[in-house]
Amino acid sequence: MTKYGKKASEKVKKAMHERKEETLESGRSGKKVTSKKQAIAIGLSQARKAGAKVPRKKFSSKKI
């Protein structure tokens, strides 16, 4: 059972390629992305929006 679909890996690959060419920008601020982790996160986010098979984001539960 695969964790990520083919479409998700293509989106991440594209985001990593854009980061390497220094054309990948973050969402709101529009600043250039230099971190590999951030590029992967952007790729997965785009894949989620496109409806690819990507696991849900992990949210930390706040303890009261």
N, C-alpha and C. Protein backbone atom coordinates (compact mmCIF):
# COMPACT_ATOMS: atom_id res chain seq x y z
N MET A 1 0.84 -1.18 0.00
CA MET A 1 0.00 0.00 0.00
C MET A 1 0.89 1.25 0.00
N THR A 2 0.73 2.06 -1.03
CA THR A 2 1.57 3.25 -1.13
C THR A 2 0.98 4.40 -0.32
N LYS A 3 1.86 5.23 0.17
CA LYS A 3 1.43 6.34 1.00
C LYS A 3 1.03 7.55 0.14
N TYR A 4 1.81 7.78 -0.94
CA TYR A 4 1.55 8.91 -1.82
C TYR A 4 1.28 8.41 -3.23
N GLY A 5 0.40 9.10 -3.95
CA GLY A 5 0.08 8.73 -5.31
C GLY A 5 1.10 9.26 -6.31
N LYS A 6 0.95 8.84 -7.56
CA LYS A 6 1.87 9.26 -8.62
C LYS A 6 1.78 10.76 -8.86
N LYS A 7 0.58 11.29 -8.82
CA LYS A 7 0.37 12.73 -9.03
C LYS A 7 1.09 13.55 -7.97
N ALA A 8 1.08 13.06 -6.74
CA ALA A 8 1.74 13.75 -5.63
C ALA A 8 3.24 13.80 -5.86
N SER A 9 3.82 12.68 -6.30
CA SER A 9 5.26 12.66 -6.52
C SER A 9 5.66 13.57 -7.67
N GLU A 10 4.80 13.69 -8.67
CA GLU A 10 5.08 14.59 -9.80
C GLU A 10 5.06 16.05 -9.34
N LYS A 11 4.11 16.39 -8.48
CA LYS A 11 4.02 17.77 -7.97
C LYS A 11 5.24 18.12 -7.13
N VAL A 12 5.67 17.18 -6.28
CA VAL A 12 6.85 17.41 -5.44
C VAL A 12 8.09 17.54 -6.31
N LYS A 13 8.19 16.68 -7.32
CA LYS A 13 9.34 16.73 -8.24
C LYS A 13 9.40 18.09 -8.94
N LYS A 14 8.24 18.60 -9.36
CA LYS A 14 8.19 19.90 -10.03
C LYS A 14 8.59 21.02 -9.08
N ALA A 15 8.12 20.95 -7.84
CA ALA A 15 8.45 21.97 -6.84
C ALA A 15 9.94 21.96 -6.54
N MET A 16 10.53 20.78 -6.43
CA MET A 16 11.97 20.67 -6.18
C MET A 16 12.78 21.23 -7.34
N HIS A 17 12.31 20.98 -8.56
CA HIS A 17 12.99 21.50 -9.75
C HIS A 17 12.93 23.03 -9.77
N GLU A 18 11.76 23.58 -9.43
CA GLU A 18 11.61 25.04 -9.38
C GLU A 18 12.48 25.65 -8.29
N ARG A 19 12.60 24.95 -7.16
CA ARG A 19 13.46 25.45 -6.08
C ARG A 19 14.91 25.51 -6.54
N LYS A 20 15.32 24.50 -7.27
CA LYS A 20 16.70 24.44 -7.75
C LYS A 20 16.98 25.58 -8.75
N GLU A 21 15.98 25.93 -9.55
CA GLU A 21 16.12 27.03 -10.51
C GLU A 21 15.87 28.39 -9.88
N GLU A 22 15.53 28.40 -8.59
CA GLU A 22 15.21 29.61 -7.83
C GLU A 22 14.00 30.35 -8.38
N THR A 23 13.00 29.60 -8.85
CA THR A 23 11.76 30.22 -9.32
C THR A 23 10.58 29.90 -8.43
N LEU A 24 10.78 29.02 -7.43
CA LEU A 24 9.70 28.64 -6.52
C LEU A 24 9.52 29.72 -5.46
N GLU A 25 8.28 30.16 -5.30
CA GLU A 25 7.97 31.21 -4.31
C GLU A 25 6.94 30.68 -3.33
N SER A 26 7.02 31.18 -2.10
CA SER A 26 6.05 30.79 -1.08
C SER A 26 4.72 31.49 -1.35
N GLY A 27 3.68 30.99 -0.73
CA GLY A 27 2.32 31.45 -1.00
C GLY A 27 2.04 32.92 -0.80
N ARG A 28 1.93 33.35 0.44
CA ARG A 28 1.46 34.71 0.73
C ARG A 28 2.54 35.76 0.53
N SER A 29 3.72 35.51 1.06
CA SER A 29 4.76 36.54 1.01
C SER A 29 5.40 36.65 -0.37
N GLY A 30 5.42 35.54 -1.10
CA GLY A 30 6.02 35.55 -2.43
C GLY A 30 7.54 35.53 -2.40
N LYS A 31 8.11 35.21 -1.22
CA LYS A 31 9.57 35.13 -1.11
C LYS A 31 10.08 33.86 -1.77
N LYS A 32 11.33 33.89 -2.21
CA LYS A 32 11.96 32.72 -2.83
C LYS A 32 12.15 31.62 -1.79
N VAL A 33 11.90 30.38 -2.21
CA VAL A 33 12.06 29.23 -1.32
C VAL A 33 13.45 28.65 -1.52
N THR A 34 14.19 28.44 -0.43
CA THR A 34 15.53 27.87 -0.52
C THR A 34 15.62 26.53 0.19
N SER A 35 14.69 26.25 1.08
CA SER A 35 14.71 25.03 1.88
C SER A 35 14.09 23.85 1.12
N LYS A 36 14.74 22.68 1.19
CA LYS A 36 14.21 21.47 0.56
C LYS A 36 12.90 21.05 1.21
N LYS A 37 12.86 21.13 2.55
CA LYS A 37 11.65 20.74 3.29
C LYS A 37 10.46 21.61 2.89
N GLN A 38 10.70 22.90 2.72
CA GLN A 38 9.63 23.81 2.35
C GLN A 38 9.15 23.52 0.93
N ALA A 39 10.08 23.18 0.04
CA ALA A 39 9.72 22.84 -1.34
C ALA A 39 8.85 21.59 -1.38
N ILE A 40 9.19 20.59 -0.56
CA ILE A 40 8.40 19.36 -0.50
C ILE A 40 7.01 19.66 0.04
N ALA A 41 6.94 20.50 1.07
CA ALA A 41 5.65 20.87 1.66
C ALA A 41 4.77 21.59 0.65
N ILE A 42 5.35 22.46 -0.15
CA ILE A 42 4.60 23.19 -1.17
C ILE A 42 4.09 22.21 -2.23
N GLY A 43 4.95 21.28 -2.65
CA GLY A 43 4.55 20.27 -3.63
C GLY A 43 3.40 19.40 -3.15
N LEU A 44 3.46 18.97 -1.89
CA LEU A 44 2.39 18.14 -1.32
C LEU A 44 1.10 18.93 -1.18
N SER A 45 1.23 20.20 -0.83
CA SER A 45 0.06 21.06 -0.70
C SER A 45 -0.64 21.23 -2.06
N GLN A 46 0.16 21.44 -3.10
CA GLN A 46 -0.41 21.57 -4.45
C GLN A 46 -1.06 20.27 -4.88
N ALA A 47 -0.47 19.14 -4.52
CA ALA A 47 -1.04 17.84 -4.86
C ALA A 47 -2.37 17.62 -4.15
N ARG A 48 -2.45 18.04 -2.88
CA ARG A 48 -3.71 17.93 -2.13
C ARG A 48 -4.82 18.72 -2.82
N LYS A 49 -4.48 19.94 -3.24
CA LYS A 49 -5.47 20.79 -3.91
C LYS A 49 -5.91 20.19 -5.24
N ALA A 50 -4.99 19.46 -5.91
CA ALA A 50 -5.30 18.83 -7.19
C ALA A 50 -6.05 17.52 -7.02
N GLY A 51 -6.21 17.06 -5.78
CA GLY A 51 -6.97 15.84 -5.50
C GLY A 51 -6.15 14.57 -5.56
N ALA A 52 -4.84 14.67 -5.39
CA ALA A 52 -3.97 13.49 -5.41
C ALA A 52 -4.05 12.73 -4.09
N LYS A 53 -3.54 11.50 -4.11
CA LYS A 53 -3.55 10.67 -2.91
C LYS A 53 -2.40 11.10 -2.00
N VAL A 54 -2.73 11.91 -1.02
CA VAL A 54 -1.75 12.43 -0.06
C VAL A 54 -2.37 12.33 1.33
N PRO A 55 -1.63 11.78 2.31
CA PRO A 55 -2.18 11.70 3.67
C PRO A 55 -2.50 13.09 4.23
N ARG A 56 -3.41 13.12 5.16
CA ARG A 56 -3.79 14.38 5.81
C ARG A 56 -2.64 14.98 6.58
N LYS A 57 -2.66 16.31 6.74
CA LYS A 57 -1.66 16.99 7.56
C LYS A 57 -1.83 16.54 8.99
N LYS A 58 -0.71 16.46 9.71
CA LYS A 58 -0.76 16.11 11.13
C LYS A 58 -0.92 17.38 11.95
N PHE A 59 -1.94 17.41 12.77
CA PHE A 59 -2.16 18.56 13.64
C PHE A 59 -1.82 18.18 15.07
N SER A 60 -1.15 19.06 15.75
CA SER A 60 -0.84 18.79 17.14
C SER A 60 -2.07 19.11 17.98
N SER A 61 -2.36 18.25 18.93
CA SER A 61 -3.51 18.48 19.78
C SER A 61 -3.09 19.32 20.98
N LYS A 62 -3.85 20.35 21.25
CA LYS A 62 -3.54 21.22 22.39
C LYS A 62 -4.07 20.60 23.66
N LYS A 63 -3.22 20.52 24.65
CA LYS A 63 -3.64 19.96 25.94
C LYS A 63 -4.00 21.10 26.88
N ILE A 64 -5.13 20.95 27.52
CA ILE A 64 -5.61 22.00 28.43
C ILE A 64 -5.22 21.69 29.85
